[in-house]
Amino acid sequence: GWYTLRIGELKAMLALAGGDLEQALVWTEWTMEFNSSVFSPERANYYRCLQTLLLLAQEEDRQPLQYLNAFVRMYGADAV
């Protein structure tokens, strides 16, 4: 919910919405580093998934969709 949203999370989501994947990754990693101790397991899993997807998106020779099944197995359908 909004009442538990951290500033890094907001900045990451705004960067994603704006299509700035590089900044989204920066703020996702910042969020994980500074807030992971207070995250629920589900929320921590979501940010691990997001970080991995953003890293994958930076690799020009890979198509993230080809990894969909692996991501669902690793992180769960809700996170993906």
C-alpha atoms as a PDB file:
ATOM      1  CA  GLY A   1       0.000   0.000   0.000  1.00  0.00           C
ATOM      2  CA  TRP A   2       0.846   3.656  -0.241  1.00  0.00           C
ATOM      3  CA  TYR A   3       1.466   4.010   3.482  1.00  0.00           C
ATOM      4  CA  THR A   4       4.533   1.744   3.282  1.00  0.00           C
ATOM      5  CA  LEU A   5       5.917   3.132   0.018  1.00  0.00           C
ATOM      6  CA  ARG A   6       9.538   4.256   0.283  1.00  0.00           C
ATOM      7  CA  ILE A   7      11.015   7.157  -1.719  1.00  0.00           C
ATOM      8  CA  GLY A   8      13.332   4.833  -3.650  1.00  0.00           C
ATOM      9  CA  GLU A   9      10.373   2.675  -4.640  1.00  0.00           C
ATOM     10  CA  LEU A  10       8.486   5.718  -5.889  1.00  0.00           C
ATOM     11  CA  LYS A  11      11.474   6.922  -7.902  1.00  0.00           C
ATOM     12  CA  ALA A  12      11.977   3.441  -9.387  1.00  0.00           C
ATOM     13  CA  MET A  13       8.312   3.198 -10.408  1.00  0.00           C
ATOM     14  CA  LEU A  14       8.326   6.702 -11.897  1.00  0.00           C
ATOM     15  CA  ALA A  15      11.456   5.867 -13.900  1.00  0.00           C
ATOM     16  CA  LEU A  16       9.795   2.675 -15.149  1.00  0.00           C
ATOM     17  CA  ALA A  17       6.650   4.567 -16.116  1.00  0.00           C
ATOM     18  CA  GLY A  18       8.806   7.082 -17.986  1.00  0.00           C
ATOM     19  CA  GLY A  19      10.731   4.349 -19.796  1.00  0.00           C
ATOM     20  CA  ASP A  20      14.064   5.177 -18.138  1.00  0.00           C
ATOM     21  CA  LEU A  21      15.239   1.648 -17.387  1.00  0.00           C
ATOM     22  CA  GLU A  22      18.702   2.763 -16.295  1.00  0.00           C
ATOM     23  CA  GLN A  23      17.330   5.027 -13.563  1.00  0.00           C
ATOM     24  CA  ALA A  24      14.745   2.401 -12.642  1.00  0.00           C
ATOM     25  CA  LEU A  25      17.601  -0.032 -12.026  1.00  0.00           C
ATOM     26  CA  VAL A  26      19.534   2.528  -9.965  1.00  0.00           C
ATOM     27  CA  TRP A  27      16.526   3.177  -7.715  1.00  0.00           C
ATOM     28  CA  THR A  28      15.558  -0.490  -7.530  1.00  0.00           C
ATOM     29  CA  GLU A  29      19.043  -1.367  -6.310  1.00  0.00           C
ATOM     30  CA  TRP A  30      18.993   1.579  -3.892  1.00  0.00           C
ATOM     31  CA  THR A  31      15.637   0.422  -2.544  1.00  0.00           C
ATOM     32  CA  MET A  32      16.878  -3.124  -2.067  1.00  0.00           C
ATOM     33  CA  GLU A  33      20.038  -1.998  -0.307  1.00  0.00           C
ATOM     34  CA  PHE A  34      18.426   0.436   2.102  1.00  0.00           C
ATOM     35  CA  ASN A  35      15.016  -1.142   2.710  1.00  0.00           C
ATOM     36  CA  SER A  36      15.297  -4.902   2.260  1.00  0.00           C
ATOM     37  CA  SER A  37      15.410  -5.507   6.018  1.00  0.00           C
ATOM     38  CA  VAL A  38      11.884  -4.107   6.427  1.00  0.00           C
ATOM     39  CA  PHE A  39      10.333  -5.667   3.328  1.00  0.00           C
ATOM     40  CA  SER A  40       7.979  -8.605   3.507  1.00  0.00           C
ATOM     41  CA  PRO A  41       9.296 -11.706   1.734  1.00  0.00           C
ATOM     42  CA  GLU A  42       6.875 -11.031  -1.144  1.00  0.00           C
ATOM     43  CA  ARG A  43       8.041  -7.451  -1.581  1.00  0.00           C
ATOM     44  CA  ALA A  44      11.717  -8.441  -1.418  1.00  0.00           C
ATOM     45  CA  ASN A  45      11.045 -11.138  -4.034  1.00  0.00           C
ATOM     46  CA  TYR A  46       9.340  -8.548  -6.273  1.00  0.00           C
ATOM     47  CA  TYR A  47      12.376  -6.256  -6.152  1.00  0.00           C
ATOM     48  CA  ARG A  48      14.805  -9.125  -6.820  1.00  0.00           C
ATOM     49  CA  CYS A  49      12.693 -10.029  -9.855  1.00  0.00           C
ATOM     50  CA  LEU A  50      12.533  -6.415 -11.033  1.00  0.00           C
ATOM     51  CA  GLN A  51      16.283  -5.972 -10.653  1.00  0.00           C
ATOM     52  CA  THR A  52      16.990  -9.108 -12.670  1.00  0.00           C
ATOM     53  CA  LEU A  53      14.544  -8.062 -15.403  1.00  0.00           C
ATOM     54  CA  LEU A  54      16.096  -4.600 -15.627  1.00  0.00           C
ATOM     55  CA  LEU A  55      19.583  -6.080 -15.868  1.00  0.00           C
ATOM     56  CA  LEU A  56      18.368  -8.459 -18.574  1.00  0.00           C
ATOM     57  CA  ALA A  57      16.771  -5.587 -20.496  1.00  0.00           C
ATOM     58  CA  GLN A  58      20.181  -3.883 -20.700  1.00  0.00           C
ATOM     59  CA  GLU A  59      21.645  -6.796 -22.632  1.00  0.00           C
ATOM     60  CA  GLU A  60      21.003  -6.068 -26.293  1.00  0.00           C
ATOM     61  CA  ASP A  61      21.499  -9.647 -27.457  1.00  0.00           C
ATOM     62  CA  ARG A  62      18.784 -11.072 -25.183  1.00  0.00           C
ATOM     63  CA  GLN A  63      15.016 -10.949 -25.363  1.00  0.00           C
ATOM     64  CA  PRO A  64      13.419 -10.873 -21.893  1.00  0.00           C
ATOM     65  CA  LEU A  65      10.297 -12.696 -23.114  1.00  0.00           C
ATOM     66  CA  GLN A  66      12.305 -15.820 -23.863  1.00  0.00           C
ATOM     67  CA  TYR A  67      13.012 -16.064 -20.106  1.00  0.00           C
ATOM     68  CA  LEU A  68       9.380 -15.759 -18.985  1.00  0.00           C
ATOM     69  CA  ASN A  69       8.966 -19.378 -17.886  1.00  0.00           C
ATOM     70  CA  ALA A  70      12.241 -19.326 -15.959  1.00  0.00           C
ATOM     71  CA  PHE A  71      11.243 -16.106 -14.207  1.00  0.00           C
ATOM     72  CA  VAL A  72       7.854 -17.515 -13.246  1.00  0.00           C
ATOM     73  CA  ARG A  73       9.550 -20.576 -11.753  1.00  0.00           C
ATOM     74  CA  MET A  74      12.166 -18.486  -9.924  1.00  0.00           C
ATOM     75  CA  TYR A  75      10.022 -15.611  -8.654  1.00  0.00           C
ATOM     76  CA  GLY A  76       6.403 -16.734  -9.030  1.00  0.00           C
ATOM     77  CA  ALA A  77       3.688 -15.508 -11.368  1.00  0.00           C
ATOM     78  CA  ASP A  78       2.594 -12.694  -9.041  1.00  0.00           C
ATOM     79  CA  ALA A  79       6.045 -11.093  -9.027  1.00  0.00           C
ATOM     80  CA  VAL A  80       6.527 -11.451 -12.774  1.00  0.00           C
END
